[in-house]
N, C-alpha and C. Protein backbone atom coordinates (compact mmCIF):
# COMPACT_ATOMS: atom_id res chain seq x y z
N UNK A 1 19.01 20.68 -27.52
CA UNK A 1 18.84 20.21 -28.87
C UNK A 1 19.70 18.98 -29.06
N UNK A 2 19.16 18.01 -29.74
CA UNK A 2 19.89 16.80 -30.09
C UNK A 2 19.91 16.68 -31.60
N UNK A 3 21.09 16.49 -32.16
CA UNK A 3 21.21 16.30 -33.60
C UNK A 3 22.02 15.03 -33.85
N UNK A 4 21.90 14.53 -35.05
CA UNK A 4 22.58 13.31 -35.42
C UNK A 4 23.12 13.48 -36.82
N UNK A 5 24.34 13.04 -37.02
CA UNK A 5 24.94 13.11 -38.34
C UNK A 5 26.43 12.91 -38.26
N UNK A 6 27.03 12.62 -39.39
CA UNK A 6 28.44 12.27 -39.41
C UNK A 6 29.39 13.43 -39.14
N UNK A 7 28.94 14.68 -39.28
CA UNK A 7 29.85 15.79 -39.02
C UNK A 7 29.26 16.80 -38.04
N UNK A 8 28.32 16.38 -37.22
CA UNK A 8 27.66 17.30 -36.29
C UNK A 8 28.63 17.90 -35.27
N UNK A 9 29.49 17.08 -34.69
CA UNK A 9 30.39 17.57 -33.65
C UNK A 9 31.63 18.27 -34.16
N UNK A 10 31.99 18.04 -35.40
CA UNK A 10 33.21 18.64 -35.94
C UNK A 10 32.94 19.84 -36.83
N UNK A 11 31.81 19.86 -37.54
CA UNK A 11 31.53 20.92 -38.51
C UNK A 11 30.30 21.74 -38.13
N UNK A 12 29.19 21.07 -37.90
CA UNK A 12 27.92 21.77 -37.71
C UNK A 12 27.86 22.45 -36.34
N UNK A 13 28.20 21.73 -35.28
CA UNK A 13 28.15 22.27 -33.93
C UNK A 13 29.50 22.03 -33.22
N UNK A 14 30.56 22.68 -33.67
CA UNK A 14 31.88 22.42 -33.09
C UNK A 14 32.00 22.84 -31.62
N UNK A 15 31.11 23.70 -31.15
CA UNK A 15 31.20 24.19 -29.76
C UNK A 15 30.12 23.59 -28.86
N UNK A 16 29.50 22.52 -29.28
CA UNK A 16 28.45 21.87 -28.48
C UNK A 16 29.03 21.41 -27.14
N UNK A 17 28.20 21.50 -26.12
CA UNK A 17 28.63 21.12 -24.77
C UNK A 17 28.87 19.62 -24.64
N UNK A 18 28.03 18.83 -25.25
CA UNK A 18 28.16 17.38 -25.19
C UNK A 18 28.21 16.83 -26.61
N UNK A 19 29.19 15.98 -26.84
CA UNK A 19 29.34 15.36 -28.15
C UNK A 19 29.57 13.87 -27.96
N UNK A 20 28.92 13.09 -28.80
CA UNK A 20 29.11 11.65 -28.78
C UNK A 20 29.43 11.20 -30.19
N UNK A 21 30.35 10.27 -30.29
CA UNK A 21 30.66 9.63 -31.56
C UNK A 21 30.26 8.17 -31.39
N UNK A 22 29.20 7.80 -32.06
CA UNK A 22 28.64 6.46 -31.92
C UNK A 22 29.22 5.58 -33.01
N UNK A 23 29.80 4.47 -32.60
CA UNK A 23 30.39 3.56 -33.56
C UNK A 23 30.03 2.13 -33.22
N UNK A 24 30.24 1.24 -34.16
CA UNK A 24 30.06 -0.19 -33.94
C UNK A 24 31.00 -0.90 -34.90
N UNK A 25 31.38 -2.10 -34.55
CA UNK A 25 32.27 -2.83 -35.45
C UNK A 25 31.53 -3.16 -36.75
N UNK A 26 32.30 -3.40 -37.78
CA UNK A 26 31.74 -3.60 -39.11
C UNK A 26 30.74 -4.75 -39.16
N UNK A 27 31.04 -5.84 -38.51
CA UNK A 27 30.14 -7.00 -38.54
C UNK A 27 28.79 -6.67 -37.89
N UNK A 28 28.81 -5.99 -36.75
CA UNK A 28 27.56 -5.61 -36.08
C UNK A 28 26.74 -4.68 -36.95
N UNK A 29 27.41 -3.71 -37.58
CA UNK A 29 26.71 -2.77 -38.45
C UNK A 29 26.12 -3.49 -39.66
N UNK A 30 26.86 -4.44 -40.21
CA UNK A 30 26.37 -5.18 -41.38
C UNK A 30 25.15 -6.03 -41.02
N UNK A 31 25.18 -6.67 -39.86
CA UNK A 31 24.02 -7.46 -39.43
C UNK A 31 22.79 -6.57 -39.26
N UNK A 32 22.98 -5.40 -38.65
CA UNK A 32 21.87 -4.47 -38.47
C UNK A 32 21.31 -4.01 -39.81
N UNK A 33 22.21 -3.65 -40.71
CA UNK A 33 21.78 -3.17 -42.03
C UNK A 33 21.09 -4.29 -42.80
N UNK A 34 21.59 -5.50 -42.70
CA UNK A 34 20.98 -6.62 -43.39
C UNK A 34 19.54 -6.83 -42.88
N UNK A 35 19.32 -6.71 -41.58
CA UNK A 35 17.97 -6.84 -41.03
C UNK A 35 17.05 -5.74 -41.58
N UNK A 36 17.57 -4.52 -41.70
CA UNK A 36 16.78 -3.44 -42.29
C UNK A 36 16.39 -3.77 -43.73
N UNK A 37 17.36 -4.27 -44.48
CA UNK A 37 17.11 -4.61 -45.88
C UNK A 37 16.07 -5.72 -46.01
N UNK A 38 16.16 -6.74 -45.17
CA UNK A 38 15.18 -7.83 -45.20
C UNK A 38 13.80 -7.27 -44.92
N UNK A 39 13.71 -6.36 -43.96
CA UNK A 39 12.42 -5.73 -43.63
C UNK A 39 11.87 -4.96 -44.84
N UNK A 40 12.78 -4.44 -45.69
CA UNK A 40 12.37 -3.72 -46.89
C UNK A 40 12.16 -4.65 -48.09
N UNK A 41 12.34 -5.96 -47.87
CA UNK A 41 12.14 -6.93 -48.94
C UNK A 41 13.37 -7.18 -49.79
N UNK A 42 14.53 -6.75 -49.32
CA UNK A 42 15.77 -6.95 -50.06
C UNK A 42 16.61 -7.99 -49.32
N UNK A 43 17.04 -9.01 -50.04
CA UNK A 43 17.83 -10.08 -49.44
C UNK A 43 19.25 -10.02 -49.98
N UNK A 44 20.19 -9.57 -49.13
CA UNK A 44 21.59 -9.51 -49.53
C UNK A 44 22.42 -10.28 -48.50
N UNK A 45 23.40 -11.04 -48.96
CA UNK A 45 24.28 -11.73 -48.01
C UNK A 45 25.04 -10.73 -47.15
N UNK A 46 25.33 -11.11 -45.92
CA UNK A 46 25.99 -10.20 -45.00
C UNK A 46 27.36 -9.76 -45.52
N UNK A 47 28.07 -10.61 -46.26
CA UNK A 47 29.38 -10.20 -46.77
C UNK A 47 29.26 -9.08 -47.81
N UNK A 48 28.17 -9.06 -48.56
CA UNK A 48 27.94 -7.98 -49.53
C UNK A 48 27.65 -6.68 -48.79
N UNK A 49 26.83 -6.76 -47.76
CA UNK A 49 26.52 -5.59 -46.95
C UNK A 49 27.79 -5.06 -46.28
N UNK A 50 28.62 -5.95 -45.78
CA UNK A 50 29.88 -5.54 -45.15
C UNK A 50 30.77 -4.82 -46.16
N UNK A 51 30.86 -5.34 -47.37
CA UNK A 51 31.68 -4.68 -48.39
C UNK A 51 31.15 -3.28 -48.71
N UNK A 52 29.83 -3.15 -48.80
CA UNK A 52 29.24 -1.84 -49.07
C UNK A 52 29.54 -0.85 -47.95
N UNK A 53 29.40 -1.30 -46.71
CA UNK A 53 29.69 -0.43 -45.57
C UNK A 53 31.16 -0.05 -45.51
N UNK A 54 32.02 -1.02 -45.79
CA UNK A 54 33.47 -0.75 -45.78
C UNK A 54 33.82 0.31 -46.82
N UNK A 55 33.24 0.20 -48.01
CA UNK A 55 33.49 1.19 -49.06
C UNK A 55 32.97 2.57 -48.66
N UNK A 56 31.78 2.61 -48.06
CA UNK A 56 31.23 3.89 -47.62
C UNK A 56 32.10 4.51 -46.53
N UNK A 57 32.55 3.71 -45.58
CA UNK A 57 33.42 4.21 -44.52
C UNK A 57 34.70 4.79 -45.11
N UNK A 58 35.28 4.09 -46.06
CA UNK A 58 36.51 4.55 -46.70
C UNK A 58 36.30 5.93 -47.35
N UNK A 59 35.20 6.07 -48.07
CA UNK A 59 34.89 7.36 -48.70
C UNK A 59 34.69 8.45 -47.65
N UNK A 60 33.89 8.13 -46.64
CA UNK A 60 33.56 9.13 -45.62
C UNK A 60 34.76 9.54 -44.77
N UNK A 61 35.62 8.59 -44.46
CA UNK A 61 36.78 8.89 -43.62
C UNK A 61 37.86 9.65 -44.38
N UNK A 62 37.87 9.55 -45.70
CA UNK A 62 38.95 10.16 -46.49
C UNK A 62 38.51 11.33 -47.37
N UNK A 63 37.26 11.74 -47.25
CA UNK A 63 36.81 12.86 -48.06
C UNK A 63 37.48 14.15 -47.58
N UNK A 64 37.62 15.10 -48.48
CA UNK A 64 38.30 16.35 -48.18
C UNK A 64 37.49 17.21 -47.21
N UNK A 65 36.20 17.37 -47.49
CA UNK A 65 35.36 18.22 -46.66
C UNK A 65 34.62 17.39 -45.61
N UNK A 66 34.79 17.76 -44.36
CA UNK A 66 34.09 17.12 -43.24
C UNK A 66 34.25 15.61 -43.21
N UNK A 67 35.48 15.10 -43.15
CA UNK A 67 35.65 13.65 -43.08
C UNK A 67 35.03 13.10 -41.80
N UNK A 68 34.58 11.86 -41.87
CA UNK A 68 33.97 11.22 -40.71
C UNK A 68 35.06 10.89 -39.69
N UNK A 69 35.00 11.59 -38.57
CA UNK A 69 35.93 11.34 -37.48
C UNK A 69 35.33 11.95 -36.22
N UNK A 70 35.68 11.40 -35.07
CA UNK A 70 35.14 11.98 -33.84
C UNK A 70 35.78 13.34 -33.56
N UNK A 71 35.00 14.25 -32.99
CA UNK A 71 35.56 15.51 -32.53
C UNK A 71 36.56 15.20 -31.42
N UNK A 72 37.53 16.06 -31.25
CA UNK A 72 38.57 15.83 -30.24
C UNK A 72 37.98 15.64 -28.85
N UNK A 73 36.88 16.32 -28.57
CA UNK A 73 36.28 16.24 -27.24
C UNK A 73 35.00 15.40 -27.20
N UNK A 74 34.81 14.56 -28.20
CA UNK A 74 33.62 13.69 -28.22
C UNK A 74 33.84 12.46 -27.35
N UNK A 75 32.77 12.01 -26.74
CA UNK A 75 32.81 10.75 -26.02
C UNK A 75 32.42 9.66 -27.01
N UNK A 76 33.25 8.65 -27.11
CA UNK A 76 33.01 7.57 -28.07
C UNK A 76 32.24 6.46 -27.37
N UNK A 77 31.16 6.06 -28.02
CA UNK A 77 30.34 4.96 -27.49
C UNK A 77 30.32 3.86 -28.53
N UNK A 78 30.84 2.71 -28.15
CA UNK A 78 30.81 1.53 -29.04
C UNK A 78 29.49 0.81 -28.82
N UNK A 79 28.65 0.80 -29.83
CA UNK A 79 27.32 0.22 -29.74
C UNK A 79 27.25 -1.21 -30.25
N UNK A 80 28.38 -1.80 -30.55
CA UNK A 80 28.41 -3.13 -31.17
C UNK A 80 27.52 -4.14 -30.44
N UNK A 81 27.53 -4.09 -29.12
CA UNK A 81 26.79 -5.06 -28.33
C UNK A 81 25.74 -4.41 -27.43
N UNK A 82 25.28 -3.22 -27.83
CA UNK A 82 24.30 -2.50 -27.03
C UNK A 82 22.97 -2.37 -27.78
N UNK A 83 21.90 -2.31 -27.02
CA UNK A 83 20.59 -2.00 -27.61
C UNK A 83 20.47 -0.49 -27.73
N UNK A 84 19.47 -0.04 -28.46
CA UNK A 84 19.23 1.40 -28.58
C UNK A 84 19.00 2.00 -27.19
N UNK A 85 18.21 1.33 -26.36
CA UNK A 85 17.93 1.83 -25.01
C UNK A 85 19.21 1.96 -24.19
N UNK A 86 20.12 1.01 -24.33
CA UNK A 86 21.39 1.07 -23.59
C UNK A 86 22.26 2.22 -24.07
N UNK A 87 22.24 2.51 -25.36
CA UNK A 87 23.01 3.63 -25.90
C UNK A 87 22.45 4.95 -25.35
N UNK A 88 21.14 5.10 -25.40
CA UNK A 88 20.51 6.32 -24.89
C UNK A 88 20.80 6.48 -23.41
N UNK A 89 20.70 5.39 -22.66
CA UNK A 89 20.98 5.43 -21.23
C UNK A 89 22.43 5.87 -20.96
N UNK A 90 23.36 5.34 -21.72
CA UNK A 90 24.77 5.73 -21.56
C UNK A 90 24.95 7.22 -21.82
N UNK A 91 24.30 7.73 -22.83
CA UNK A 91 24.40 9.16 -23.13
C UNK A 91 23.81 10.01 -22.01
N UNK A 92 22.65 9.61 -21.54
CA UNK A 92 22.00 10.36 -20.46
C UNK A 92 22.88 10.38 -19.22
N UNK A 93 23.43 9.22 -18.87
CA UNK A 93 24.31 9.16 -17.69
C UNK A 93 25.53 10.06 -17.86
N UNK A 94 26.09 10.09 -19.03
CA UNK A 94 27.28 10.92 -19.26
C UNK A 94 26.94 12.40 -19.24
N UNK A 95 25.81 12.76 -19.79
CA UNK A 95 25.39 14.16 -19.77
C UNK A 95 25.12 14.60 -18.32
N UNK A 96 24.56 13.71 -17.54
CA UNK A 96 24.26 14.02 -16.15
C UNK A 96 25.50 13.91 -15.25
N UNK A 97 26.64 13.54 -15.84
CA UNK A 97 27.88 13.50 -15.08
C UNK A 97 28.18 12.22 -14.35
N UNK A 98 27.50 11.15 -14.69
CA UNK A 98 27.77 9.85 -14.07
C UNK A 98 28.49 8.97 -15.08
N UNK A 99 29.34 8.15 -14.61
CA UNK A 99 30.01 7.19 -15.48
C UNK A 99 29.12 6.00 -15.71
N UNK A 100 29.22 5.42 -16.90
CA UNK A 100 28.49 4.18 -17.17
C UNK A 100 29.29 3.32 -18.09
């Protein structure tokens, strides 16, 4: 089973065999989100998107219940400069026991 969410490895499935914490730097995330918004017909400057993401991160990282943080045994994958296919490939290699 594969699940995705901000508290999957720490709250929902704390005993999962494989855990990944996928992150990207704020600028990369803002560029990605801005592209999504443009596709939806919304035009926002990247600095506005960055501010919104920064505020959301602050709330999520500091909330009392299930704060956003990697599980102690999660493998962290920085996706800032990776494609979706490269992220999936990295996960597959790690699950299969190979380094990438």
